[in-house]
C-alpha cells in the first residue's frame, strides 16, 4: 500500500510542479559552450489575466547578439552602447500581444565568450494594464532572472561543431516544433496519469 501512496503523491506533484517550473520568463538553452554561436530563445508565459505587450531582455556582458529571428506579429529594437554592442533587445506587439494561458518564444543568435561562466538574462515583461514584472532576481527568488551556464568547449568550433551547444540547439528545435503543432508539454503528464490508472486497475483485479 505504501508504494501506491508514494506513486500517487509523485504523480500529484508532477501535475502541480510542471506549470510552476516554467511560470517565468526563461532563456534557453540553460547550458552552452565557449566560442559557440548559439541559438537562444526567450520563452514568455502569461501569468496574469492580461495580455503581455512588450518584453525587454538585457543581454549579459560577454554574450554578443548577432541576429534576431523576425516575428510577423512583433517588432523589435536594439539598445547599443558606445562600442555598438547590443545591450538589450525589446520586442513590442503590433496587435494584441500574448493572451492569458498563452506563451510565445523569440529567438536570436548569440556569440558566446571564450571563457566559461554564468550569465544572467534580466527581463522586463509589460502587460496591457501597464504593470511590469521584473525578472531580475536571484535563482531562488519569486521573480528570478534566467541563467545560462557557458562551459568549456572547442575553442575553434562554431555552434554546429560543438556537441554541447548542438544538444541545446536540438532541444530548442524540439521546443519550436511542439509550438507549431500545439503545446505538447501535457504528454508526460497524460502518460503518467494513464500508467497510474492502469496500475490501480491491475491491483483491484488481483484482489478480486
N, C-alpha and C. Protein backbone atom coordinates (compact mmCIF):
# COMPACT_ATOMS: atom_id res chain seq x y z
N UNK A 1 0.83 -1.21 0.00
CA UNK A 1 0.00 0.00 0.00
C UNK A 1 0.87 1.27 0.00
N UNK A 2 2.00 1.19 0.72
CA UNK A 2 2.86 2.37 0.82
C UNK A 2 3.37 2.79 -0.56
N UNK A 3 3.73 1.79 -1.37
CA UNK A 3 4.29 2.15 -2.68
C UNK A 3 3.24 2.82 -3.57
N UNK A 4 1.95 2.43 -3.38
CA UNK A 4 0.90 3.08 -4.16
C UNK A 4 0.69 4.51 -3.70
N UNK A 5 0.81 4.73 -2.40
CA UNK A 5 0.67 6.10 -1.88
C UNK A 5 1.79 6.98 -2.40
N UNK A 6 3.03 6.43 -2.39
CA UNK A 6 4.17 7.18 -2.89
C UNK A 6 4.00 7.52 -4.36
N UNK A 7 3.50 6.54 -5.13
CA UNK A 7 3.29 6.76 -6.55
C UNK A 7 2.25 7.84 -6.80
N UNK A 8 1.15 7.80 -6.04
CA UNK A 8 0.10 8.80 -6.22
C UNK A 8 0.60 10.20 -5.86
N UNK A 9 1.38 10.30 -4.78
CA UNK A 9 1.93 11.60 -4.38
C UNK A 9 2.86 12.14 -5.46
N UNK A 10 3.67 11.24 -6.03
CA UNK A 10 4.61 11.66 -7.07
C UNK A 10 3.87 12.20 -8.29
N UNK A 11 2.78 11.53 -8.67
CA UNK A 11 2.00 11.99 -9.82
C UNK A 11 1.37 13.34 -9.54
N UNK A 12 0.83 13.51 -8.34
CA UNK A 12 0.22 14.79 -7.97
C UNK A 12 1.25 15.91 -8.02
N UNK A 13 2.45 15.64 -7.48
CA UNK A 13 3.50 16.65 -7.50
C UNK A 13 3.91 16.98 -8.93
N UNK A 14 3.90 15.98 -9.80
CA UNK A 14 4.24 16.22 -11.20
C UNK A 14 3.25 17.17 -11.84
N UNK A 15 1.96 16.96 -11.58
CA UNK A 15 0.93 17.84 -12.13
C UNK A 15 1.06 19.25 -11.58
N UNK A 16 1.39 19.38 -10.31
CA UNK A 16 1.45 20.69 -9.67
C UNK A 16 2.72 21.43 -10.04
N UNK A 17 3.85 20.73 -10.06
CA UNK A 17 5.13 21.39 -10.24
C UNK A 17 5.42 21.75 -11.68
N UNK A 18 4.88 20.98 -12.64
CA UNK A 18 5.19 21.22 -14.04
C UNK A 18 4.87 22.63 -14.50
N UNK A 19 3.66 23.16 -14.24
CA UNK A 19 3.40 24.52 -14.70
C UNK A 19 4.17 25.57 -13.93
N UNK A 20 4.48 25.31 -12.65
CA UNK A 20 5.18 26.29 -11.84
C UNK A 20 6.61 26.47 -12.33
N UNK A 21 7.24 25.35 -12.77
CA UNK A 21 8.64 25.39 -13.16
C UNK A 21 8.89 26.34 -14.32
N UNK A 22 7.92 26.52 -15.21
CA UNK A 22 8.09 27.37 -16.37
C UNK A 22 7.20 28.61 -16.27
N UNK A 23 6.87 29.02 -15.08
CA UNK A 23 5.95 30.14 -14.91
C UNK A 23 6.66 31.48 -14.88
N UNK A 24 7.84 31.56 -15.51
CA UNK A 24 8.52 32.85 -15.58
C UNK A 24 9.28 32.94 -16.90
N UNK A 25 9.74 34.14 -17.22
CA UNK A 25 10.48 34.35 -18.47
C UNK A 25 11.81 33.62 -18.38
N UNK A 26 12.10 32.77 -19.37
CA UNK A 26 13.33 31.99 -19.36
C UNK A 26 14.02 32.08 -20.72
N UNK A 27 15.35 31.95 -20.67
CA UNK A 27 16.16 31.92 -21.88
C UNK A 27 16.73 30.52 -22.02
N UNK A 28 16.56 29.93 -23.20
CA UNK A 28 17.01 28.56 -23.45
C UNK A 28 18.03 28.57 -24.58
N UNK A 29 19.06 27.69 -24.52
CA UNK A 29 19.27 26.66 -23.50
C UNK A 29 19.89 27.24 -22.24
N UNK A 30 19.82 26.47 -21.17
CA UNK A 30 20.41 26.90 -19.90
C UNK A 30 21.90 26.57 -19.83
N UNK A 31 22.40 25.80 -20.81
CA UNK A 31 23.83 25.49 -20.88
C UNK A 31 24.29 25.53 -22.31
N UNK A 32 25.41 26.19 -22.53
CA UNK A 32 26.02 26.24 -23.86
C UNK A 32 27.53 26.13 -23.67
N UNK A 33 28.30 26.41 -24.72
CA UNK A 33 29.75 26.26 -24.62
C UNK A 33 30.48 27.49 -25.12
N UNK A 34 31.73 27.60 -24.74
CA UNK A 34 32.54 28.75 -25.12
C UNK A 34 32.72 28.80 -26.64
N UNK A 35 32.76 30.02 -27.14
CA UNK A 35 33.00 30.30 -28.56
C UNK A 35 31.94 29.74 -29.50
N UNK A 36 30.79 29.34 -28.96
CA UNK A 36 29.72 28.82 -29.80
C UNK A 36 28.82 29.96 -30.29
N UNK A 37 28.29 29.79 -31.49
CA UNK A 37 27.24 30.67 -31.98
C UNK A 37 25.92 29.96 -31.69
N UNK A 38 25.33 30.30 -30.55
CA UNK A 38 24.18 29.58 -30.02
C UNK A 38 22.87 30.22 -30.45
N UNK A 39 21.89 29.37 -30.75
CA UNK A 39 20.53 29.86 -30.95
C UNK A 39 19.85 29.93 -29.59
N UNK A 40 19.61 31.12 -29.12
CA UNK A 40 18.92 31.32 -27.85
C UNK A 40 17.45 31.64 -28.12
N UNK A 41 16.57 31.20 -27.21
CA UNK A 41 15.15 31.52 -27.32
C UNK A 41 14.63 32.02 -25.99
N UNK A 42 13.88 33.10 -26.05
CA UNK A 42 13.26 33.67 -24.85
C UNK A 42 11.82 33.18 -24.80
N UNK A 43 11.48 32.48 -23.73
CA UNK A 43 10.13 31.94 -23.58
C UNK A 43 9.35 32.82 -22.60
N UNK A 44 8.20 33.34 -23.05
CA UNK A 44 7.41 34.28 -22.25
C UNK A 44 6.03 33.71 -22.01
N UNK A 45 5.76 33.17 -20.82
CA UNK A 45 4.40 32.75 -20.47
C UNK A 45 3.64 33.92 -19.86
N UNK A 46 2.32 33.85 -19.92
CA UNK A 46 1.47 34.90 -19.33
C UNK A 46 0.85 34.35 -18.06
N UNK A 47 1.12 35.02 -16.94
CA UNK A 47 0.65 34.56 -15.64
C UNK A 47 -0.59 35.30 -15.16
N UNK A 48 -0.88 36.44 -15.79
CA UNK A 48 -1.96 37.30 -15.32
C UNK A 48 -3.16 37.23 -16.26
N UNK A 49 -4.26 37.80 -15.81
CA UNK A 49 -5.45 37.91 -16.64
C UNK A 49 -5.35 39.19 -17.47
N UNK A 50 -4.26 39.28 -18.22
CA UNK A 50 -3.99 40.44 -19.06
C UNK A 50 -3.02 40.00 -20.14
N UNK A 51 -2.91 40.81 -21.19
CA UNK A 51 -2.02 40.46 -22.30
C UNK A 51 -0.62 41.03 -22.09
N UNK A 52 0.38 40.25 -22.44
CA UNK A 52 1.75 40.75 -22.48
C UNK A 52 1.96 41.45 -23.81
N UNK A 53 2.37 42.71 -23.76
CA UNK A 53 2.50 43.51 -24.97
C UNK A 53 3.94 43.93 -25.26
N UNK A 54 4.83 43.77 -24.28
CA UNK A 54 6.24 44.15 -24.52
C UNK A 54 7.14 43.34 -23.61
N UNK A 55 8.29 42.95 -24.15
CA UNK A 55 9.30 42.23 -23.38
C UNK A 55 10.67 42.82 -23.70
N UNK A 56 11.37 43.23 -22.66
CA UNK A 56 12.73 43.73 -22.83
C UNK A 56 13.69 42.75 -22.20
N UNK A 57 14.71 42.36 -22.94
CA UNK A 57 15.72 41.42 -22.46
C UNK A 57 17.08 42.10 -22.47
N UNK A 58 17.71 42.16 -21.30
CA UNK A 58 19.06 42.70 -21.20
C UNK A 58 20.06 41.61 -21.55
N UNK A 59 20.99 41.91 -22.45
CA UNK A 59 21.99 40.94 -22.87
C UNK A 59 23.17 41.01 -21.90
N UNK A 60 23.52 39.89 -21.27
CA UNK A 60 24.62 39.92 -20.31
C UNK A 60 25.96 40.23 -20.98
N UNK A 61 26.80 40.94 -20.27
CA UNK A 61 28.11 41.29 -20.81
C UNK A 61 28.91 40.02 -21.08
N UNK A 62 29.46 39.93 -22.27
CA UNK A 62 30.22 38.74 -22.65
C UNK A 62 29.55 37.96 -23.77
N UNK A 63 28.23 38.08 -23.88
CA UNK A 63 27.49 37.43 -24.96
C UNK A 63 27.06 38.51 -25.95
N UNK A 64 27.32 38.28 -27.22
CA UNK A 64 27.03 39.28 -28.25
C UNK A 64 25.90 38.79 -29.16
N UNK A 65 24.84 39.57 -29.23
CA UNK A 65 23.73 39.24 -30.12
C UNK A 65 24.15 39.51 -31.57
N UNK A 66 24.02 38.48 -32.42
CA UNK A 66 24.43 38.57 -33.80
C UNK A 66 23.24 38.89 -34.71
N UNK A 67 22.13 38.19 -34.50
CA UNK A 67 20.95 38.40 -35.33
C UNK A 67 19.71 37.94 -34.58
N UNK A 68 18.55 38.43 -35.02
CA UNK A 68 17.27 38.12 -34.37
C UNK A 68 16.32 37.51 -35.39
N UNK A 69 15.61 36.46 -34.97
CA UNK A 69 14.61 35.85 -35.83
C UNK A 69 13.36 36.73 -35.83
N UNK A 70 12.94 37.24 -37.00
CA UNK A 70 11.76 38.13 -37.02
C UNK A 70 10.47 37.39 -36.71
N UNK A 71 9.54 38.11 -36.12
CA UNK A 71 8.21 37.59 -35.82
C UNK A 71 7.20 38.55 -36.44
N UNK A 72 6.33 38.06 -37.31
CA UNK A 72 5.42 38.97 -38.03
C UNK A 72 4.47 39.75 -37.13
N UNK A 73 4.20 39.25 -35.93
CA UNK A 73 3.26 39.92 -35.03
C UNK A 73 3.94 40.86 -34.04
N UNK A 74 5.28 40.91 -34.10
CA UNK A 74 6.04 41.72 -33.15
C UNK A 74 7.11 42.52 -33.88
N UNK A 75 7.40 43.69 -33.37
CA UNK A 75 8.54 44.46 -33.85
C UNK A 75 9.60 44.48 -32.75
N UNK A 76 10.84 44.66 -33.12
CA UNK A 76 11.90 44.66 -32.12
C UNK A 76 12.85 45.84 -32.37
N UNK A 77 13.55 46.22 -31.31
CA UNK A 77 14.57 47.25 -31.44
C UNK A 77 15.73 46.92 -30.52
N UNK A 78 16.91 47.40 -30.89
CA UNK A 78 18.12 47.18 -30.11
C UNK A 78 18.50 48.44 -29.34
N UNK A 79 19.10 48.24 -28.19
CA UNK A 79 19.77 49.31 -27.46
C UNK A 79 21.25 48.96 -27.48
N UNK A 80 22.09 49.92 -27.94
CA UNK A 80 23.52 49.66 -28.08
C UNK A 80 24.33 50.63 -27.22
N UNK A 81 25.54 50.19 -26.85
CA UNK A 81 26.43 51.07 -26.10
C UNK A 81 27.34 51.82 -27.07
N UNK A 82 28.32 52.53 -26.52
CA UNK A 82 29.20 53.35 -27.35
C UNK A 82 30.08 52.51 -28.28
N UNK A 83 30.24 51.23 -27.96
CA UNK A 83 31.03 50.34 -28.81
C UNK A 83 30.19 49.64 -29.86
N UNK A 84 28.94 50.07 -30.01
CA UNK A 84 27.99 49.49 -30.98
C UNK A 84 27.64 48.04 -30.64
N UNK A 85 27.79 47.68 -29.35
CA UNK A 85 27.41 46.35 -28.89
C UNK A 85 25.97 46.37 -28.40
N UNK A 86 25.19 45.38 -28.78
CA UNK A 86 23.78 45.32 -28.37
C UNK A 86 23.70 44.96 -26.89
N UNK A 87 23.08 45.82 -26.12
CA UNK A 87 22.95 45.60 -24.67
C UNK A 87 21.56 45.14 -24.27
N UNK A 88 20.57 45.34 -25.12
CA UNK A 88 19.23 44.84 -24.83
C UNK A 88 18.43 44.75 -26.13
N UNK A 89 17.45 43.85 -26.09
CA UNK A 89 16.51 43.69 -27.21
C UNK A 89 15.10 43.85 -26.64
N UNK A 90 14.29 44.66 -27.28
CA UNK A 90 12.91 44.88 -26.84
C UNK A 90 11.95 44.47 -27.94
N UNK A 91 11.05 43.54 -27.60
CA UNK A 91 10.00 43.12 -28.53
C UNK A 91 8.69 43.78 -28.13
N UNK A 92 8.00 44.39 -29.07
CA UNK A 92 6.73 45.07 -28.82
C UNK A 92 5.67 44.52 -29.76
N UNK A 93 4.51 44.16 -29.21
CA UNK A 93 3.44 43.56 -30.01
C UNK A 93 2.86 44.60 -30.97
N UNK A 94 2.58 44.16 -32.19
CA UNK A 94 1.93 45.03 -33.16
C UNK A 94 0.42 45.07 -32.95
N UNK A 95 -0.11 44.03 -32.32
CA UNK A 95 -1.55 43.96 -32.10
C UNK A 95 -1.84 43.64 -30.65
N UNK A 96 -2.48 42.50 -30.37
CA UNK A 96 -2.94 42.20 -29.02
C UNK A 96 -1.90 41.64 -28.08
N UNK A 97 -0.82 41.08 -28.62
CA UNK A 97 0.20 40.51 -27.76
C UNK A 97 -0.10 39.06 -27.38
N UNK A 98 0.43 38.64 -26.24
CA UNK A 98 0.26 37.27 -25.75
C UNK A 98 -0.84 37.26 -24.70
N UNK A 99 -1.86 36.44 -24.92
CA UNK A 99 -3.01 36.43 -24.03
C UNK A 99 -2.83 35.52 -22.83
N UNK A 100 -3.77 35.58 -21.87
CA UNK A 100 -3.74 34.69 -20.70
C UNK A 100 -3.70 33.22 -21.11
N UNK A 101 -2.93 32.43 -20.37
CA UNK A 101 -2.76 30.99 -20.63
C UNK A 101 -2.05 30.72 -21.96
N UNK A 102 -1.36 31.71 -22.49
CA UNK A 102 -0.58 31.53 -23.71
C UNK A 102 0.90 31.81 -23.42
N UNK A 103 1.75 31.43 -24.35
CA UNK A 103 3.15 31.81 -24.26
C UNK A 103 3.68 32.05 -25.66
N UNK A 104 4.80 32.75 -25.75
CA UNK A 104 5.46 32.99 -27.03
C UNK A 104 6.96 32.82 -26.85
N UNK A 105 7.65 32.63 -27.96
CA UNK A 105 9.10 32.50 -27.93
C UNK A 105 9.72 33.41 -28.99
N UNK A 106 10.79 34.10 -28.60
CA UNK A 106 11.56 34.93 -29.52
C UNK A 106 12.98 34.37 -29.58
N UNK A 107 13.51 34.21 -30.78
CA UNK A 107 14.83 33.58 -30.93
C UNK A 107 15.85 34.55 -31.51
N UNK A 108 17.10 34.31 -31.14
CA UNK A 108 18.20 35.11 -31.67
C UNK A 108 19.48 34.29 -31.60
N UNK A 109 20.49 34.71 -32.36
CA UNK A 109 21.80 34.07 -32.35
C UNK A 109 22.73 34.90 -31.47
N UNK A 110 23.38 34.22 -30.53
CA UNK A 110 24.33 34.89 -29.64
C UNK A 110 25.71 34.27 -29.76
N UNK A 111 26.74 35.11 -29.83
CA UNK A 111 28.12 34.63 -29.85
C UNK A 111 28.63 34.56 -28.42
N UNK A 112 28.96 33.36 -27.98
CA UNK A 112 29.40 33.15 -26.60
C UNK A 112 30.85 33.60 -26.40
N UNK A 113 31.20 33.91 -25.16
CA UNK A 113 32.57 34.33 -24.85
C UNK A 113 33.54 33.15 -24.90
N UNK A 114 34.84 33.45 -24.82
CA UNK A 114 35.85 32.41 -24.85
C UNK A 114 36.13 31.81 -23.50
N UNK A 115 35.57 32.40 -22.43
CA UNK A 115 35.80 31.88 -21.09
C UNK A 115 34.49 31.39 -20.48
N UNK A 116 34.52 30.29 -19.72
CA UNK A 116 33.30 29.78 -19.08
C UNK A 116 32.77 30.77 -18.04
N UNK A 117 31.51 30.60 -17.70
CA UNK A 117 30.91 31.44 -16.67
C UNK A 117 29.40 31.33 -16.69
N UNK A 118 28.77 31.98 -15.72
CA UNK A 118 27.31 32.03 -15.65
C UNK A 118 26.85 33.41 -16.07
N UNK A 119 25.84 33.45 -16.92
CA UNK A 119 25.38 34.70 -17.50
C UNK A 119 23.88 34.87 -17.23
N UNK A 120 23.55 35.99 -16.61
CA UNK A 120 22.19 36.25 -16.16
C UNK A 120 21.46 37.14 -17.17
N UNK A 121 20.27 36.67 -17.57
CA UNK A 121 19.43 37.42 -18.52
C UNK A 121 18.32 38.13 -17.74
N UNK A 122 18.40 39.43 -17.58
CA UNK A 122 17.35 40.18 -16.91
C UNK A 122 16.26 40.55 -17.92
N UNK A 123 15.02 40.30 -17.54
CA UNK A 123 13.90 40.54 -18.46
C UNK A 123 12.82 41.36 -17.77
N UNK A 124 12.14 42.18 -18.58
CA UNK A 124 11.07 43.04 -18.08
C UNK A 124 9.83 42.78 -18.93
N UNK A 125 8.79 42.25 -18.30
CA UNK A 125 7.56 41.83 -19.00
C UNK A 125 6.46 42.85 -18.73
N UNK A 126 5.99 43.50 -19.78
CA UNK A 126 4.97 44.55 -19.65
C UNK A 126 3.61 44.03 -20.12
N UNK A 127 2.59 44.29 -19.30
CA UNK A 127 1.22 43.87 -19.62
C UNK A 127 0.40 45.07 -20.11
N UNK A 128 -0.76 44.77 -20.72
CA UNK A 128 -1.58 45.85 -21.25
C UNK A 128 -2.32 46.63 -20.15
N UNK A 129 -2.19 46.21 -18.88
CA UNK A 129 -2.73 47.02 -17.78
C UNK A 129 -1.65 47.94 -17.21
N UNK A 130 -0.52 48.07 -17.95
CA UNK A 130 0.61 48.93 -17.61
C UNK A 130 1.47 48.40 -16.46
N UNK A 131 1.21 47.19 -15.99
CA UNK A 131 2.05 46.61 -14.96
C UNK A 131 3.29 45.99 -15.61
N UNK A 132 4.39 45.98 -14.87
CA UNK A 132 5.65 45.43 -15.36
C UNK A 132 6.20 44.44 -14.34
N UNK A 133 6.49 43.23 -14.80
CA UNK A 133 7.11 42.22 -13.94
C UNK A 133 8.59 42.19 -14.27
N UNK A 134 9.43 42.40 -13.27
CA UNK A 134 10.88 42.44 -13.47
C UNK A 134 11.50 41.11 -13.08
N UNK A 135 11.89 40.35 -14.08
CA UNK A 135 12.54 39.05 -13.86
C UNK A 135 14.04 39.29 -13.75
N UNK A 136 14.44 39.77 -12.59
CA UNK A 136 15.83 40.21 -12.39
C UNK A 136 16.47 39.66 -11.12
N UNK A 137 15.74 38.83 -10.38
CA UNK A 137 16.21 38.39 -9.07
C UNK A 137 17.15 37.18 -9.13
N UNK A 138 17.54 36.75 -7.94
CA UNK A 138 18.38 35.56 -7.80
C UNK A 138 17.56 34.31 -8.16
N UNK A 139 18.23 33.18 -8.45
CA UNK A 139 17.51 31.97 -8.86
C UNK A 139 16.44 31.51 -7.89
N UNK A 140 16.64 31.71 -6.57
CA UNK A 140 15.68 31.23 -5.59
C UNK A 140 14.58 32.24 -5.29
N UNK A 141 14.61 33.40 -5.94
CA UNK A 141 13.62 34.44 -5.67
C UNK A 141 12.32 34.17 -6.41
N UNK A 142 11.29 34.96 -6.11
CA UNK A 142 9.99 34.80 -6.76
C UNK A 142 10.01 35.26 -8.21
N UNK A 143 10.89 36.19 -8.53
CA UNK A 143 10.99 36.70 -9.90
C UNK A 143 12.45 36.60 -10.35
N UNK A 144 12.90 35.35 -10.60
CA UNK A 144 14.32 35.14 -10.92
C UNK A 144 14.67 35.53 -12.35
N UNK A 145 15.91 35.93 -12.53
CA UNK A 145 16.45 36.12 -13.87
C UNK A 145 16.91 34.76 -14.39
N UNK A 146 16.70 34.52 -15.66
CA UNK A 146 17.16 33.26 -16.26
C UNK A 146 18.68 33.28 -16.36
N UNK A 147 19.29 32.11 -16.19
CA UNK A 147 20.75 32.00 -16.18
C UNK A 147 21.19 30.95 -17.20
N UNK A 148 22.21 31.29 -17.98
CA UNK A 148 22.85 30.34 -18.88
C UNK A 148 24.27 30.09 -18.42
N UNK A 149 24.62 28.83 -18.27
CA UNK A 149 25.99 28.47 -17.90
C UNK A 149 26.76 28.14 -19.18
N UNK A 150 27.84 28.87 -19.40
CA UNK A 150 28.71 28.61 -20.54
C UNK A 150 29.90 27.80 -20.05
N UNK A 151 30.04 26.60 -20.59
CA UNK A 151 31.10 25.69 -20.16
C UNK A 151 32.18 25.61 -21.24
N UNK A 152 33.33 25.05 -20.84
CA UNK A 152 34.47 24.97 -21.75
C UNK A 152 34.12 24.11 -22.97
N UNK A 153 34.44 24.63 -24.16
CA UNK A 153 34.19 23.89 -25.39
C UNK A 153 35.38 23.99 -26.32
N UNK A 154 35.20 23.53 -27.55
CA UNK A 154 36.25 23.59 -28.55
C UNK A 154 36.48 25.05 -28.92
N UNK A 155 37.70 25.54 -28.74
CA UNK A 155 38.00 26.95 -28.97
C UNK A 155 37.82 27.36 -30.42
N UNK A 156 37.92 26.40 -31.35
CA UNK A 156 37.81 26.75 -32.77
C UNK A 156 36.46 26.38 -33.35
N UNK A 157 35.61 25.74 -32.53
CA UNK A 157 34.34 25.23 -33.08
C UNK A 157 33.26 26.28 -33.02
N UNK A 158 32.47 26.34 -34.07
CA UNK A 158 31.25 27.12 -34.04
C UNK A 158 30.13 26.23 -33.52
N UNK A 159 28.94 26.76 -33.51
CA UNK A 159 27.82 26.05 -32.89
C UNK A 159 27.62 24.65 -33.46
N UNK A 160 27.64 24.50 -34.77
CA UNK A 160 27.32 23.23 -35.40
C UNK A 160 28.36 22.15 -35.10
N UNK A 161 29.58 22.55 -34.69
CA UNK A 161 30.63 21.58 -34.43
C UNK A 161 30.77 21.26 -32.96
N UNK A 162 29.99 21.91 -32.11
CA UNK A 162 30.15 21.75 -30.67
C UNK A 162 29.05 20.87 -30.12
N UNK A 163 29.37 19.70 -29.52
CA UNK A 163 28.33 18.77 -29.08
C UNK A 163 27.44 19.33 -27.99
N UNK A 164 28.00 20.15 -27.09
CA UNK A 164 27.18 20.70 -26.00
C UNK A 164 26.21 21.72 -26.56
N UNK A 165 26.72 22.63 -27.38
CA UNK A 165 25.84 23.64 -27.97
C UNK A 165 24.83 23.00 -28.90
N UNK A 166 25.26 21.94 -29.63
CA UNK A 166 24.35 21.28 -30.56
C UNK A 166 23.21 20.61 -29.83
N UNK A 167 23.50 20.03 -28.65
CA UNK A 167 22.43 19.39 -27.89
C UNK A 167 21.42 20.41 -27.43
N UNK A 168 21.89 21.61 -27.05
CA UNK A 168 20.97 22.66 -26.68
C UNK A 168 20.15 23.12 -27.86
N UNK A 169 20.80 23.18 -29.03
CA UNK A 169 20.10 23.59 -30.25
C UNK A 169 19.03 22.57 -30.62
N UNK A 170 19.36 21.28 -30.49
CA UNK A 170 18.39 20.23 -30.82
C UNK A 170 17.19 20.30 -29.90
N UNK A 171 17.45 20.54 -28.61
CA UNK A 171 16.35 20.65 -27.65
C UNK A 171 15.46 21.82 -28.00
N UNK A 172 16.07 22.92 -28.47
CA UNK A 172 15.27 24.08 -28.82
C UNK A 172 14.44 23.80 -30.06
N UNK A 173 15.02 23.05 -31.04
CA UNK A 173 14.25 22.71 -32.23
C UNK A 173 13.03 21.90 -31.87
N UNK A 174 13.17 20.99 -30.90
CA UNK A 174 12.01 20.21 -30.45
C UNK A 174 10.97 21.12 -29.85
N UNK A 175 11.44 22.13 -29.11
CA UNK A 175 10.51 23.07 -28.50
C UNK A 175 9.78 23.87 -29.56
N UNK A 176 10.54 24.29 -30.62
CA UNK A 176 9.92 25.04 -31.71
C UNK A 176 8.86 24.20 -32.41
N UNK A 177 9.18 22.92 -32.68
CA UNK A 177 8.23 22.07 -33.37
C UNK A 177 6.97 21.85 -32.56
N UNK A 178 7.12 21.69 -31.25
CA UNK A 178 5.95 21.50 -30.41
C UNK A 178 5.10 22.74 -30.40
N UNK A 179 5.74 23.91 -30.54
CA UNK A 179 4.98 25.15 -30.58
C UNK A 179 4.16 25.25 -31.84
N UNK A 180 4.68 24.70 -32.96
CA UNK A 180 3.95 24.77 -34.22
C UNK A 180 2.76 23.85 -34.22
N UNK A 181 2.86 22.73 -33.56
CA UNK A 181 1.79 21.74 -33.60
C UNK A 181 0.91 21.76 -32.36
N UNK A 182 1.09 22.77 -31.53
CA UNK A 182 0.35 22.82 -30.28
C UNK A 182 1.27 22.45 -29.14
N UNK A 183 1.02 22.97 -27.96
CA UNK A 183 1.87 22.72 -26.81
C UNK A 183 1.74 21.28 -26.38
N UNK A 184 2.86 20.50 -26.45
CA UNK A 184 2.83 19.08 -26.10
C UNK A 184 3.42 18.82 -24.74
N UNK A 185 3.56 19.86 -23.90
CA UNK A 185 4.10 19.66 -22.55
C UNK A 185 3.19 18.78 -21.71
N UNK A 186 1.94 18.62 -22.12
CA UNK A 186 0.99 17.81 -21.34
C UNK A 186 1.20 16.33 -21.54
N UNK A 187 1.95 15.92 -22.58
CA UNK A 187 2.06 14.50 -22.90
C UNK A 187 2.64 13.67 -21.77
N UNK A 188 3.77 14.08 -21.11
CA UNK A 188 4.28 13.28 -20.00
C UNK A 188 3.28 13.15 -18.85
N UNK A 189 2.49 14.20 -18.64
CA UNK A 189 1.52 14.17 -17.55
C UNK A 189 0.41 13.16 -17.85
N UNK A 190 -0.04 13.15 -19.12
CA UNK A 190 -1.09 12.21 -19.50
C UNK A 190 -0.60 10.77 -19.39
N UNK A 191 0.64 10.54 -19.83
CA UNK A 191 1.20 9.20 -19.76
C UNK A 191 1.34 8.74 -18.31
N UNK A 192 1.78 9.66 -17.44
CA UNK A 192 1.93 9.31 -16.03
C UNK A 192 0.58 8.98 -15.41
N UNK A 193 -0.44 9.79 -15.76
CA UNK A 193 -1.77 9.54 -15.23
C UNK A 193 -2.34 8.22 -15.72
N UNK A 194 -2.10 7.91 -17.01
CA UNK A 194 -2.59 6.65 -17.57
C UNK A 194 -1.91 5.46 -16.91
N UNK A 195 -0.60 5.57 -16.66
CA UNK A 195 0.13 4.49 -16.01
C UNK A 195 -0.39 4.25 -14.60
N UNK A 196 -0.68 5.35 -13.90
CA UNK A 196 -1.22 5.21 -12.55
C UNK A 196 -2.58 4.53 -12.57
N UNK A 197 -3.44 4.92 -13.51
CA UNK A 197 -4.77 4.34 -13.61
C UNK A 197 -4.70 2.85 -13.91
N UNK A 198 -3.83 2.46 -14.85
CA UNK A 198 -3.69 1.05 -15.19
C UNK A 198 -3.16 0.23 -14.01
N UNK A 199 -2.27 0.84 -13.22
CA UNK A 199 -1.71 0.15 -12.06
C UNK A 199 -2.79 -0.10 -11.01
N UNK A 200 -3.65 0.89 -10.80
CA UNK A 200 -4.73 0.75 -9.81
C UNK A 200 -5.73 -0.31 -10.26
N UNK A 201 -6.06 -0.31 -11.58
CA UNK A 201 -7.00 -1.32 -12.09
C UNK A 201 -6.42 -2.72 -11.92
N UNK A 202 -5.12 -2.85 -12.22
CA UNK A 202 -4.46 -4.15 -12.08
C UNK A 202 -4.47 -4.64 -10.64
N UNK A 203 -4.25 -3.70 -9.71
CA UNK A 203 -4.25 -4.04 -8.29
C UNK A 203 -5.61 -4.58 -7.84
N UNK A 204 -6.67 -3.89 -8.25
CA UNK A 204 -8.02 -4.33 -7.86
C UNK A 204 -8.38 -5.67 -8.49
N UNK A 205 -7.91 -5.94 -9.70
CA UNK A 205 -8.18 -7.21 -10.34
C UNK A 205 -7.51 -8.36 -9.58
N UNK A 206 -6.28 -8.13 -9.10
CA UNK A 206 -5.58 -9.15 -8.34
C UNK A 206 -6.31 -9.46 -7.03
N UNK A 207 -6.82 -8.41 -6.39
CA UNK A 207 -7.54 -8.61 -5.14
C UNK A 207 -8.86 -9.33 -5.35
N UNK A 208 -9.47 -9.07 -6.52
CA UNK A 208 -10.74 -9.74 -6.82
C UNK A 208 -10.52 -11.22 -7.09
